[in-house]
Amino acid sequence: QEQVVESGGGLVQPGGSLKLSCVASGISLPINVMSWFRQPPGKERELVARIVETGNTKYVDSVKGRFTISRDPGKNVAYLQMNNLLPEDTAIYYCNAVNVASAAFYWGRGTQVTVSS
């Protein structure tokens, strides 16, 4: 069964840290790109960070210098280390895995991150 599962969300105070994990399993195609998206309350989903199989990364400007995306070599496992969290980082965070050649997209159900004092 193909599935993408996120974990690691929770409630944290401003300035705190969280590390999200994403595991994509049961997928026979190679996963070339893994990304983290987020959807704040009442807003559209946005790309937060992306890592391609070469190791190159991309971040939305608002998280640069605070968030780091990584991937276990040879595995469909990705992480998002989030430091110096701000209230505006509050959102549901979704993991996305892509096979580029087949344009196959796989989504998780999301994990809630709440930044509040």
PDB file of N, CA and C in Angstrom:
ATOM      1  N   GLN A   1       0.845  -1.193   0.000  1.00  0.00           N
ATOM      2  CA  GLN A   1       0.000   0.000   0.000  1.00  0.00           C
ATOM      3  C   GLN A   1       0.877   1.239   0.000  1.00  0.00           C
ATOM      4  N   GLU A   2       0.634   2.105  -0.982  1.00  0.00           N
ATOM      5  CA  GLU A   2       1.389   3.349  -1.050  1.00  0.00           C
ATOM      6  C   GLU A   2       0.906   4.297   0.035  1.00  0.00           C
ATOM      7  N   GLN A   3       1.841   4.844   0.790  1.00  0.00           N
ATOM      8  CA  GLN A   3       1.442   5.820   1.782  1.00  0.00           C
ATOM      9  C   GLN A   3       2.603   6.725   2.152  1.00  0.00           C
ATOM     10  N   VAL A   4       2.223   7.927   2.571  1.00  0.00           N
ATOM     11  CA  VAL A   4       3.154   8.923   3.073  1.00  0.00           C
ATOM     12  C   VAL A   4       2.663   9.323   4.451  1.00  0.00           C
ATOM     13  N   VAL A   5       3.517   9.219   5.444  1.00  0.00           N
ATOM     14  CA  VAL A   5       3.111   9.480   6.817  1.00  0.00           C
ATOM     15  C   VAL A   5       4.054  10.488   7.449  1.00  0.00           C
ATOM     16  N   GLU A   6       3.461  11.574   7.954  1.00  0.00           N
ATOM     17  CA  GLU A   6       4.223  12.598   8.669  1.00  0.00           C
ATOM     18  C   GLU A   6       4.099  12.390  10.172  1.00  0.00           C
ATOM     19  N   SER A   7       5.091  12.838  10.897  1.00  0.00           N
ATOM     20  CA  SER A   7       5.052  12.805  12.357  1.00  0.00           C
ATOM     21  C   SER A   7       5.948  13.909  12.906  1.00  0.00           C
ATOM     22  N   GLY A   8       5.771  14.194  14.198  1.00  0.00           N
ATOM     23  CA  GLY A   8       6.650  15.148  14.863  1.00  0.00           C
ATOM     24  C   GLY A   8       6.028  16.497  15.159  1.00  0.00           C
ATOM     25  N   GLY A   9       4.788  16.709  14.736  1.00  0.00           N
ATOM     26  CA  GLY A   9       4.148  17.982  15.025  1.00  0.00           C
ATOM     27  C   GLY A   9       3.782  18.097  16.491  1.00  0.00           C
ATOM     28  N   GLY A  10       3.319  19.290  16.863  1.00  0.00           N
ATOM     29  CA  GLY A  10       2.912  19.509  18.243  1.00  0.00           C
ATOM     30  C   GLY A  10       2.811  20.965  18.584  1.00  0.00           C
ATOM     31  N   LEU A  11       2.701  21.235  19.870  1.00  0.00           N
ATOM     32  CA  LEU A  11       2.605  22.603  20.391  1.00  0.00           C
ATOM     33  C   LEU A  11       3.972  23.022  20.928  1.00  0.00           C
ATOM     34  N   VAL A  12       4.432  24.182  20.503  1.00  0.00           N
ATOM     35  CA  VAL A  12       5.735  24.665  20.949  1.00  0.00           C
ATOM     36  C   VAL A  12       5.650  26.174  21.170  1.00  0.00           C
ATOM     37  N   GLN A  13       6.448  26.675  22.087  1.00  0.00           N
ATOM     38  CA  GLN A  13       6.468  28.115  22.358  1.00  0.00           C
ATOM     39  C   GLN A  13       7.285  28.841  21.286  1.00  0.00           C
ATOM     40  N   PRO A  14       6.992  30.117  21.069  1.00  0.00           N
ATOM     41  CA  PRO A  14       7.809  30.904  20.135  1.00  0.00           C
ATOM     42  C   PRO A  14       9.291  30.818  20.497  1.00  0.00           C
ATOM     43  N   GLY A  15      10.119  30.637  19.491  1.00  0.00           N
ATOM     44  CA  GLY A  15      11.544  30.470  19.703  1.00  0.00           C
ATOM     45  C   GLY A  15      11.971  29.024  19.863  1.00  0.00           C
ATOM     46  N   GLY A  16      11.017  28.132  19.985  1.00  0.00           N
ATOM     47  CA  GLY A  16      11.319  26.722  20.164  1.00  0.00           C
ATOM     48  C   GLY A  16      11.620  26.001  18.861  1.00  0.00           C
ATOM     49  N   SER A  17      11.810  24.691  18.963  1.00  0.00           N
ATOM     50  CA  SER A  17      12.173  23.869  17.807  1.00  0.00           C
ATOM     51  C   SER A  17      11.308  22.619  17.737  1.00  0.00           C
ATOM     52  N   LEU A  18      11.140  22.140  16.526  1.00  0.00           N
ATOM     53  CA  LEU A  18      10.487  20.855  16.275  1.00  0.00           C
ATOM     54  C   LEU A  18      11.185  20.215  15.084  1.00  0.00           C
ATOM     55  N   LYS A  19      11.137  18.883  15.048  1.00  0.00           N
ATOM     56  CA  LYS A  19      11.658  18.167  13.881  1.00  0.00           C
ATOM     57  C   LYS A  19      10.562  17.257  13.347  1.00  0.00           C
ATOM     58  N   LEU A  20      10.158  17.519  12.113  1.00  0.00           N
ATOM     59  CA  LEU A  20       9.154  16.695  11.454  1.00  0.00           C
ATOM     60  C   LEU A  20       9.829  15.583  10.666  1.00  0.00           C
ATOM     61  N   SER A  21       9.152  14.448  10.607  1.00  0.00           N
ATOM     62  CA  SER A  21       9.641  13.312   9.834  1.00  0.00           C
ATOM     63  C   SER A  21       8.579  12.903   8.824  1.00  0.00           C
ATOM     64  N   CYS A  22       9.042  12.375   7.708  1.00  0.00           N
ATOM     65  CA  CYS A  22       8.145  11.901   6.645  1.00  0.00           C
ATOM     66  C   CYS A  22       8.678  10.581   6.126  1.00  0.00           C
ATOM     67  N   VAL A  23       7.820   9.586   6.093  1.00  0.00           N
ATOM     68  CA  VAL A  23       8.191   8.283   5.559  1.00  0.00           C
ATOM     69  C   VAL A  23       7.241   7.932   4.427  1.00  0.00           C
ATOM     70  N   ALA A  24       7.789   7.718   3.248  1.00  0.00           N
ATOM     71  CA  ALA A  24       7.011   7.279   2.090  1.00  0.00           C
ATOM     72  C   ALA A  24       7.300   5.794   1.880  1.00  0.00           C
ATOM     73  N   SER A  25       6.250   4.980   1.888  1.00  0.00           N
ATOM     74  CA  SER A  25       6.452   3.540   1.801  1.00  0.00           C
ATOM     75  C   SER A  25       5.494   2.921   0.796  1.00  0.00           C
ATOM     76  N   GLY A  26       5.827   1.719   0.360  1.00  0.00           N
ATOM     77  CA  GLY A  26       4.970   1.004  -0.572  1.00  0.00           C
ATOM     78  C   GLY A  26       4.944   1.579  -1.973  1.00  0.00           C
ATOM     79  N   ILE A  27       5.895   2.474  -2.276  1.00  0.00           N
ATOM     80  CA  ILE A  27       5.930   3.136  -3.590  1.00  0.00           C
ATOM     81  C   ILE A  27       7.031   2.487  -4.427  1.00  0.00           C
ATOM     82  N   SER A  28       6.655   1.933  -5.568  1.00  0.00           N
ATOM     83  CA  SER A  28       7.619   1.206  -6.382  1.00  0.00           C
ATOM     84  C   SER A  28       8.473   2.130  -7.247  1.00  0.00           C
ATOM     85  N   LEU A  29       7.968   3.308  -7.558  1.00  0.00           N
ATOM     86  CA  LEU A  29       8.722   4.244  -8.385  1.00  0.00           C
ATOM     87  C   LEU A  29       9.781   4.958  -7.560  1.00  0.00           C
ATOM     88  N   PRO A  30      10.888   5.337  -8.206  1.00  0.00           N
ATOM     89  CA  PRO A  30      11.880   6.130  -7.472  1.00  0.00           C
ATOM     90  C   PRO A  30      11.306   7.497  -7.092  1.00  0.00           C
ATOM     91  N   ILE A  31      11.603   7.937  -5.903  1.00  0.00           N
ATOM     92  CA  ILE A  31      11.164   9.251  -5.444  1.00  0.00           C
ATOM     93  C   ILE A  31      12.309  10.241  -5.682  1.00  0.00           C
ATOM     94  N   ASN A  32      12.076  11.148  -6.618  1.00  0.00           N
ATOM     95  CA  ASN A  32      13.119  12.097  -7.006  1.00  0.00           C
ATOM     96  C   ASN A  32      13.121  13.359  -6.164  1.00  0.00           C
ATOM     97  N   VAL A  33      11.947  13.744  -5.693  1.00  0.00           N
ATOM     98  CA  VAL A  33      11.790  15.002  -4.967  1.00  0.00           C
ATOM     99  C   VAL A  33      10.924  14.755  -3.736  1.00  0.00           C
ATOM    100  N   MET A  34      11.367  15.278  -2.620  1.00  0.00           N
ATOM    101  CA  MET A  34      10.539  15.282  -1.408  1.00  0.00           C
ATOM    102  C   MET A  34      10.422  16.713  -0.914  1.00  0.00           C
ATOM    103  N   SER A  35       9.208  17.071  -0.525  1.00  0.00           N
ATOM    104  CA  SER A  35       8.938  18.457  -0.149  1.00  0.00           C
ATOM    105  C   SER A  35       8.067  18.510   1.095  1.00  0.00           C
ATOM    106  N   TRP A  36       8.145  19.647   1.764  1.00  0.00           N
ATOM    107  CA  TRP A  36       7.235  19.980   2.854  1.00  0.00           C
ATOM    108  C   TRP A  36       6.417  21.190   2.417  1.00  0.00           C
ATOM    109  N   PHE A  37       5.109  21.068   2.553  1.00  0.00           N
ATOM    110  CA  PHE A  37       4.186  22.165   2.344  1.00  0.00           C
ATOM    111  C   PHE A  37       3.508  22.457   3.678  1.00  0.00           C
ATOM    112  N   ARG A  38       2.874  23.612   3.773  1.00  0.00           N
ATOM    113  CA  ARG A  38       2.080  23.919   4.962  1.00  0.00           C
ATOM    114  C   ARG A  38       0.854  24.709   4.569  1.00  0.00           C
ATOM    115  N   GLN A  39      -0.171  24.569   5.397  1.00  0.00           N
ATOM    116  CA  GLN A  39      -1.410  25.309   5.172  1.00  0.00           C
ATOM    117  C   GLN A  39      -1.846  25.940   6.495  1.00  0.00           C
ATOM    118  N   PRO A  40      -1.620  27.255   6.641  1.00  0.00           N
ATOM    119  CA  PRO A  40      -2.077  27.951   7.844  1.00  0.00           C
ATOM    120  C   PRO A  40      -3.599  28.031   7.855  1.00  0.00           C
ATOM    121  N   PRO A  41      -4.188  28.281   9.027  1.00  0.00           N
ATOM    122  CA  PRO A  41      -5.655  28.392   9.093  1.00  0.00           C
ATOM    123  C   PRO A  41      -6.171  29.469   8.163  1.00  0.00           C
ATOM    124  N   GLY A  42      -7.149  29.116   7.323  1.00  0.00           N
ATOM    125  CA  GLY A  42      -7.775  30.078   6.443  1.00  0.00           C
ATOM    126  C   GLY A  42      -6.947  30.517   5.258  1.00  0.00           C
ATOM    127  N   LYS A  43      -5.808  29.859   5.035  1.00  0.00           N
ATOM    128  CA  LYS A  43      -4.940  30.253   3.927  1.00  0.00           C
ATOM    129  C   LYS A  43      -4.675  29.065   3.013  1.00  0.00           C
ATOM    130  N   GLU A  44      -4.070  29.362   1.862  1.00  0.00           N
ATOM    131  CA  GLU A  44      -3.764  28.310   0.910  1.00  0.00           C
ATOM    132  C   GLU A  44      -2.492  27.559   1.293  1.00  0.00           C
ATOM    133  N   ARG A  45      -2.371  26.365   0.771  1.00  0.00           N
ATOM    134  CA  ARG A  45      -1.178  25.564   1.002  1.00  0.00           C
ATOM    135  C   ARG A  45       0.003  26.185   0.257  1.00  0.00           C
ATOM    136  N   GLU A  46       1.168  26.223   0.910  1.00  0.00           N
ATOM    137  CA  GLU A  46       2.357  26.783   0.292  1.00  0.00           C
ATOM    138  C   GLU A  46       3.549  25.846   0.456  1.00  0.00           C
ATOM    139  N   LEU A  47       4.458  25.934  -0.504  1.00  0.00           N
ATOM    140  CA  LEU A  47       5.697  25.166  -0.405  1.00  0.00           C
ATOM    141  C   LEU A  47       6.590  25.779   0.654  1.00  0.00           C
ATOM    142  N   VAL A  48       7.115  24.955   1.549  1.00  0.00           N
ATOM    143  CA  VAL A  48       8.026  25.402   2.590  1.00  0.00           C
ATOM    144  C   VAL A  48       9.469  25.081   2.218  1.00  0.00           C
ATOM    145  N   ALA A  49       9.707  23.828   1.842  1.00  0.00           N
ATOM    146  CA  ALA A  49      11.068  23.406   1.516  1.00  0.00           C
ATOM    147  C   ALA A  49      11.015  22.191   0.605  1.00  0.00           C
ATOM    148  N   ARG A  50      12.058  22.058  -0.212  1.00  0.00           N
ATOM    149  CA  ARG A  50      12.110  20.962  -1.176  1.00  0.00           C
ATOM    150  C   ARG A  50      13.542  20.447  -1.260  1.00  0.00           C
ATOM    151  N   ILE A  51      13.685  19.138  -1.407  1.00  0.00           N
ATOM    152  CA  ILE A  51      14.999  18.553  -1.616  1.00  0.00           C
ATOM    153  C   ILE A  51      14.904  17.573  -2.786  1.00  0.00           C
ATOM    154  N   VAL A  52      15.831  17.697  -3.721  1.00  0.00           N
ATOM    155  CA  VAL A  52      15.860  16.800  -4.856  1.00  0.00           C
ATOM    156  C   VAL A  52      16.942  15.751  -4.639  1.00  0.00           C
ATOM    157  N   GLU A  53      16.971  14.740  -5.497  1.00  0.00           N
ATOM    158  CA  GLU A  53      17.833  13.592  -5.239  1.00  0.00           C
ATOM    159  C   GLU A  53      19.314  13.939  -5.337  1.00  0.00           C
ATOM    160  N   THR A  54      19.645  15.074  -5.948  1.00  0.00           N
ATOM    161  CA  THR A  54      21.043  15.511  -5.978  1.00  0.00           C
ATOM    162  C   THR A  54      21.460  16.139  -4.654  1.00  0.00           C
ATOM    163  N   GLY A  55      20.473  16.421  -3.801  1.00  0.00           N
ATOM    164  CA  GLY A  55      20.759  17.071  -2.531  1.00  0.00           C
ATOM    165  C   GLY A  55      20.479  18.558  -2.519  1.00  0.00           C
ATOM    166  N   ASN A  56      20.206  19.113  -3.676  1.00  0.00           N
ATOM    167  CA  ASN A  56      19.882  20.535  -3.737  1.00  0.00           C
ATOM    168  C   ASN A  56      18.582  20.815  -2.992  1.00  0.00           C
ATOM    169  N   THR A  57      18.537  21.954  -2.349  1.00  0.00           N
ATOM    170  CA  THR A  57      17.373  22.329  -1.554  1.00  0.00           C
ATOM    171  C   THR A  57      16.842  23.697  -1.965  1.00  0.00           C
ATOM    172  N   LYS A  58      15.590  23.914  -1.614  1.00  0.00           N
ATOM    173  CA  LYS A  58      14.929  25.195  -1.883  1.00  0.00           C
ATOM    174  C   LYS A  58      14.019  25.492  -0.713  1.00  0.00           C
ATOM    175  N   TYR A  59      13.988  26.781  -0.308  1.00  0.00           N
ATOM    176  CA  TYR A  59      13.160  27.195   0.824  1.00  0.00           C
ATOM    177  C   TYR A  59      12.341  28.423   0.457  1.00  0.00           C
ATOM    178  N   VAL A  60      11.174  28.533   1.061  1.00  0.00           N
ATOM    179  CA  VAL A  60      10.427  29.773   0.964  1.00  0.00           C
ATOM    180  C   VAL A  60      11.176  30.814   1.799  1.00  0.00           C
ATOM    181  N   ASP A  61      11.136  32.063   1.374  1.00  0.00           N
ATOM    182  CA  ASP A  61      11.944  33.096   2.028  1.00  0.00           C
ATOM    183  C   ASP A  61      11.688  33.189   3.531  1.00  0.00           C
ATOM    184  N   SER A  62      10.445  32.989   3.943  1.00  0.00           N
ATOM    185  CA  SER A  62      10.087  33.210   5.346  1.00  0.00           C
ATOM    186  C   SER A  62      10.728  32.209   6.309  1.00  0.00           C
ATOM    187  N   VAL A  63      11.272  31.101   5.788  1.00  0.00           N
ATOM    188  CA  VAL A  63      11.868  30.094   6.682  1.00  0.00           C
ATOM    189  C   VAL A  63      13.373  29.967   6.488  1.00  0.00           C
ATOM    190  N   LYS A  64      13.932  30.683   5.539  1.00  0.00           N
ATOM    191  CA  LYS A  64      15.371  30.580   5.283  1.00  0.00           C
ATOM    192  C   LYS A  64      16.164  30.948   6.531  1.00  0.00           C
ATOM    193  N   GLY A  65      17.143  30.118   6.854  1.00  0.00           N
ATOM    194  CA  GLY A  65      17.964  30.344   8.031  1.00  0.00           C
ATOM    195  C   GLY A  65      17.374  29.756   9.309  1.00  0.00           C
ATOM    196  N   ARG A  66      16.120  29.323   9.244  1.00  0.00           N
ATOM    197  CA  ARG A  66      15.470  28.740  10.432  1.00  0.00           C
ATOM    198  C   ARG A  66      15.123  27.266  10.237  1.00  0.00           C
ATOM    199  N   PHE A  67      14.741  26.891   9.024  1.00  0.00           N
ATOM    200  CA  PHE A  67      14.329  25.512   8.726  1.00  0.00           C
ATOM    201  C   PHE A  67      15.392  24.829   7.863  1.00  0.00           C
ATOM    202  N   THR A  68      15.534  23.530   8.075  1.00  0.00           N
ATOM    203  CA  THR A  68      16.450  22.735   7.259  1.00  0.00           C
ATOM    204  C   THR A  68      15.766  21.446   6.844  1.00  0.00           C
ATOM    205  N   ILE A  69      15.733  21.200   5.541  1.00  0.00           N
ATOM    206  CA  ILE A  69      15.188  19.948   5.022  1.00  0.00           C
ATOM    207  C   ILE A  69      16.341  18.992   4.750  1.00  0.00           C
ATOM    208  N   SER A  70      16.100  17.724   5.024  1.00  0.00           N
ATOM    209  CA  SER A  70      17.119  16.710   4.756  1.00  0.00           C
ATOM    210  C   SER A  70      16.426  15.416   4.373  1.00  0.00           C
ATOM    211  N   ARG A  71      17.228  14.496   3.864  1.00  0.00           N
ATOM    212  CA  ARG A  71      16.687  13.204   3.431  1.00  0.00           C
ATOM    213  C   ARG A  71      17.715  12.124   3.724  1.00  0.00           C
ATOM    214  N   ASP A  72      17.250  10.995   4.224  1.00  0.00           N
ATOM    215  CA  ASP A  72      18.153   9.863   4.441  1.00  0.00           C
ATOM    216  C   ASP A  72      18.620   9.345   3.075  1.00  0.00           C
ATOM    217  N   PRO A  73      19.915   9.210   2.872  1.00  0.00           N
ATOM    218  CA  PRO A  73      20.419   8.739   1.570  1.00  0.00           C
ATOM    219  C   PRO A  73      19.828   7.391   1.173  1.00  0.00           C
ATOM    220  N   GLY A  74      19.282   7.325  -0.031  1.00  0.00           N
ATOM    221  CA  GLY A  74      18.778   6.056  -0.540  1.00  0.00           C
ATOM    222  C   GLY A  74      17.457   5.611   0.053  1.00  0.00           C
ATOM    223  N   LYS A  75      16.885   6.459   0.882  1.00  0.00           N
ATOM    224  CA  LYS A  75      15.612   6.092   1.504  1.00  0.00           C
ATOM    225  C   LYS A  75      14.551   7.150   1.214  1.00  0.00           C
ATOM    226  N   ASN A  76      13.324   6.758   1.271  1.00  0.00           N
ATOM    227  CA  ASN A  76      12.214   7.697   1.085  1.00  0.00           C
ATOM    228  C   ASN A  76      11.790   8.258   2.442  1.00  0.00           C
ATOM    229  N   VAL A  77      12.746   8.827   3.119  1.00  0.00           N
ATOM    230  CA  VAL A  77      12.535   9.425   4.433  1.00  0.00           C
ATOM    231  C   VAL A  77      13.110  10.837   4.409  1.00  0.00           C
ATOM    232  N   ALA A  78      12.289  11.794   4.789  1.00  0.00           N
ATOM    233  CA  ALA A  78      12.713  13.191   4.804  1.00  0.00           C
ATOM    234  C   ALA A  78      12.393  13.812   6.151  1.00  0.00           C
ATOM    235  N   TYR A  79      13.122  14.861   6.455  1.00  0.00           N
ATOM    236  CA  TYR A  79      12.958  15.551   7.727  1.00  0.00           C
ATOM    237  C   TYR A  79      12.857  17.055   7.484  1.00  0.00           C
ATOM    238  N   LEU A  80      12.237  17.725   8.434  1.00  0.00           N
ATOM    239  CA  LEU A  80      12.230  19.186   8.434  1.00  0.00           C
ATOM    240  C   LEU A  80      12.564  19.643   9.851  1.00  0.00           C
ATOM    241  N   GLN A  81      13.787  20.117  10.018  1.00  0.00           N
ATOM    242  CA  GLN A  81      14.190  20.679  11.304  1.00  0.00           C
ATOM    243  C   GLN A  81      13.776  22.136  11.337  1.00  0.00           C
ATOM    244  N   MET A  82      12.963  22.488  12.311  1.00  0.00           N
ATOM    245  CA  MET A  82      12.423  23.842  12.412  1.00  0.00           C
ATOM    246  C   MET A  82      12.919  24.480  13.701  1.00  0.00           C
ATOM    247  N   ASN A  83      13.694  25.534  13.574  1.00  0.00           N
ATOM    248  CA  ASN A  83      14.229  26.258  14.722  1.00  0.00           C
ATOM    249  C   ASN A  83      13.662  27.671  14.775  1.00  0.00           C
ATOM    250  N   ASN A  84      13.763  28.289  15.945  1.00  0.00           N
ATOM    251  CA  ASN A  84      13.288  29.666  16.128  1.00  0.00           C
ATOM    252  C   ASN A  84      11.875  29.838  15.562  1.00  0.00           C
ATOM    253  N   LEU A  85      11.001  28.963  15.977  1.00  0.00           N
ATOM    254  CA  LEU A  85       9.640  28.977  15.451  1.00  0.00           C
ATOM    255  C   LEU A  85       8.899  30.243  15.866  1.00  0.00           C
ATOM    256  N   LEU A  86       8.056  30.706  14.942  1.00  0.00           N
ATOM    257  CA  LEU A  86       7.263  31.911  15.132  1.00  0.00           C
ATOM    258  C   LEU A  86       5.783  31.552  15.103  1.00  0.00           C
ATOM    259  N   PRO A  87       4.945  32.392  15.709  1.00  0.00           N
ATOM    260  CA  PRO A  87       3.501  32.104  15.666  1.00  0.00           C
ATOM    261  C   PRO A  87       2.981  31.931  14.235  1.00  0.00           C
ATOM    262  N   GLU A  88       3.558  32.657  13.305  1.00  0.00           N
ATOM    263  CA  GLU A  88       3.091  32.547  11.916  1.00  0.00           C
ATOM    264  C   GLU A  88       3.509  31.254  11.235  1.00  0.00           C
ATOM    265  N   ASP A  89       4.289  30.437  11.911  1.00  0.00           N
ATOM    266  CA  ASP A  89       4.607  29.107  11.394  1.00  0.00           C
ATOM    267  C   ASP A  89       3.505  28.100  11.721  1.00  0.00           C
ATOM    268  N   THR A  90       2.521  28.518  12.502  1.00  0.00           N
ATOM    269  CA  THR A  90       1.412  27.632  12.838  1.00  0.00           C
ATOM    270  C   THR A  90       0.674  27.204  11.574  1.00  0.00           C
ATOM    271  N   ALA A  91       0.545  25.901  11.391  1.00  0.00           N
ATOM    272  CA  ALA A  91      -0.066  25.370  10.179  1.00  0.00           C
ATOM    273  C   ALA A  91      -0.129  23.853  10.266  1.00  0.00           C
ATOM    274  N   ILE A  92      -0.848  23.266   9.324  1.00  0.00           N
ATOM    275  CA  ILE A  92      -0.737  21.827   9.100  1.00  0.00           C
ATOM    276  C   ILE A  92       0.387  21.642   8.083  1.00  0.00           C
ATOM    277  N   TYR A  93       1.332  20.789   8.418  1.00  0.00           N
ATOM    278  CA  TYR A  93       2.480  20.543   7.548  1.00  0.00           C
ATOM    279  C   TYR A  93       2.293  19.212   6.825  1.00  0.00           C
ATOM    280  N   TYR A  94       2.443  19.266   5.521  1.00  0.00           N
ATOM    281  CA  TYR A  94       2.241  18.098   4.668  1.00  0.00           C
ATOM    282  C   TYR A  94       3.548  17.717   3.975  1.00  0.00           C
ATOM    283  N   CYS A  95       3.761  16.417   3.864  1.00  0.00           N
ATOM    284  CA  CYS A  95       4.893  15.902   3.105  1.00  0.00           C
ATOM    285  C   CYS A  95       4.412  15.479   1.723  1.00  0.00           C
ATOM    286  N   ASN A  96       5.242  15.733   0.734  1.00  0.00           N
ATOM    287  CA  ASN A  96       4.941  15.380  -0.644  1.00  0.00           C
ATOM    288  C   ASN A  96       6.131  14.661  -1.246  1.00  0.00           C
ATOM    289  N   ALA A  97       5.862  13.549  -1.922  1.00  0.00           N
ATOM    290  CA  ALA A  97       6.914  12.779  -2.597  1.00  0.00           C
ATOM    291  C   ALA A  97       6.554  12.660  -4.072  1.00  0.00           C
ATOM    292  N   VAL A  98       7.548  12.828  -4.938  1.00  0.00           N
ATOM    293  CA  VAL A  98       7.282  12.896  -6.383  1.00  0.00           C
ATOM    294  C   VAL A  98       8.216  11.997  -7.175  1.00  0.00           C
ATOM    295  N   ASN A  99       7.624  11.271  -8.124  1.00  0.00           N
ATOM    296  CA  ASN A  99       8.406  10.641  -9.188  1.00  0.00           C
ATOM    297  C   ASN A  99       8.219  11.503 -10.430  1.00  0.00           C
ATOM    298  N   VAL A 100       9.271  12.157 -10.857  1.00  0.00           N
ATOM    299  CA  VAL A 100       9.174  13.149 -11.917  1.00  0.00           C
ATOM    300  C   VAL A 100       8.793  12.520 -13.262  1.00  0.00           C
ATOM    301  N   ALA A 101       9.394  11.419 -13.618  1.00  0.00           N
ATOM    302  CA  ALA A 101       9.169  10.826 -14.939  1.00  0.00           C
ATOM    303  C   ALA A 101       7.707  10.460 -15.162  1.00  0.00           C
ATOM    304  N   SER A 102       7.053   9.988 -14.132  1.00  0.00           N
ATOM    305  CA  SER A 102       5.652   9.591 -14.236  1.00  0.00           C
ATOM    306  C   SER A 102       4.698  10.666 -13.742  1.00  0.00           C
ATOM    307  N   ALA A 103       5.237  11.782 -13.306  1.00  0.00           N
ATOM    308  CA  ALA A 103       4.403  12.847 -12.708  1.00  0.00           C
ATOM    309  C   ALA A 103       3.493  12.258 -11.634  1.00  0.00           C
ATOM    310  N   ALA A 104       4.068  11.379 -10.825  1.00  0.00           N
ATOM    311  CA  ALA A 104       3.299  10.755  -9.744  1.00  0.00           C
ATOM    312  C   ALA A 104       3.559  11.516  -8.457  1.00  0.00           C
ATOM    313  N   PHE A 105       2.484  11.983  -7.836  1.00  0.00           N
ATOM    314  CA  PHE A 105       2.565  12.767  -6.606  1.00  0.00           C
ATOM    315  C   PHE A 105       1.919  11.982  -5.469  1.00  0.00           C
ATOM    316  N   TYR A 106       2.588  11.962  -4.350  1.00  0.00           N
ATOM    317  CA  TYR A 106       2.085  11.258  -3.175  1.00  0.00           C
ATOM    318  C   TYR A 106       2.061  12.236  -2.009  1.00  0.00           C
ATOM    319  N   TRP A 107       0.908  12.286  -1.330  1.00  0.00           N
ATOM    320  CA  TRP A 107       0.725  13.225  -0.226  1.00  0.00           C
ATOM    321  C   TRP A 107       0.430  12.491   1.077  1.00  0.00           C
ATOM    322  N   GLY A 108       0.943  13.051   2.169  1.00  0.00           N
ATOM    323  CA  GLY A 108       0.544  12.590   3.480  1.00  0.00           C
ATOM    324  C   GLY A 108      -0.691  13.332   3.955  1.00  0.00           C
ATOM    325  N   ARG A 109      -1.173  12.948   5.135  1.00  0.00           N
ATOM    326  CA  ARG A 109      -2.380  13.574   5.670  1.00  0.00           C
ATOM    327  C   ARG A 109      -2.077  14.805   6.507  1.00  0.00           C
ATOM    328  N   GLY A 110      -0.802  15.032   6.789  1.00  0.00           N
ATOM    329  CA  GLY A 110      -0.412  16.230   7.504  1.00  0.00           C
ATOM    330  C   GLY A 110      -0.216  16.020   8.994  1.00  0.00           C
ATOM    331  N   THR A 111       0.566  16.930   9.562  1.00  0.00           N
ATOM    332  CA  THR A 111       0.776  16.970  11.004  1.00  0.00           C
ATOM    333  C   THR A 111       0.671  18.412  11.480  1.00  0.00           C
ATOM    334  N   GLN A 112      -0.021  18.626  12.564  1.00  0.00           N
ATOM    335  CA  GLN A 112      -0.294  19.981  13.047  1.00  0.00           C
ATOM    336  C   GLN A 112       0.902  20.527  13.818  1.00  0.00           C
ATOM    337  N   VAL A 113       1.295  21.740  13.484  1.00  0.00           N
ATOM    338  CA  VAL A 113       2.311  22.474  14.233  1.00  0.00           C
ATOM    339  C   VAL A 113       1.659  23.757  14.742  1.00  0.00           C
ATOM    340  N   THR A 114       1.698  23.940  16.038  1.00  0.00           N
ATOM    341  CA  THR A 114       1.130  25.140  16.655  1.00  0.00           C
ATOM    342  C   THR A 114       2.211  25.833  17.468  1.00  0.00           C
ATOM    343  N   VAL A 115       2.441  27.106  17.175  1.00  0.00           N
ATOM    344  CA  VAL A 115       3.443  27.898  17.878  1.00  0.00           C
ATOM    345  C   VAL A 115       2.701  28.965  18.674  1.00  0.00           C
ATOM    346  N   SER A 116       2.723  28.808  19.978  1.00  0.00           N
ATOM    347  CA  SER A 116       1.949  29.706  20.828  1.00  0.00           C
ATOM    348  C   SER A 116       2.511  29.685  22.237  1.00  0.00           C
ATOM    349  N   SER A 117       2.397  30.845  22.889  1.00  0.00           N
ATOM    350  CA  SER A 117       2.811  30.907  24.281  1.00  0.00           C
ATOM    351  C   SER A 117       1.629  30.664  25.217  1.00  0.00           C
TER     352      SER A 117
END
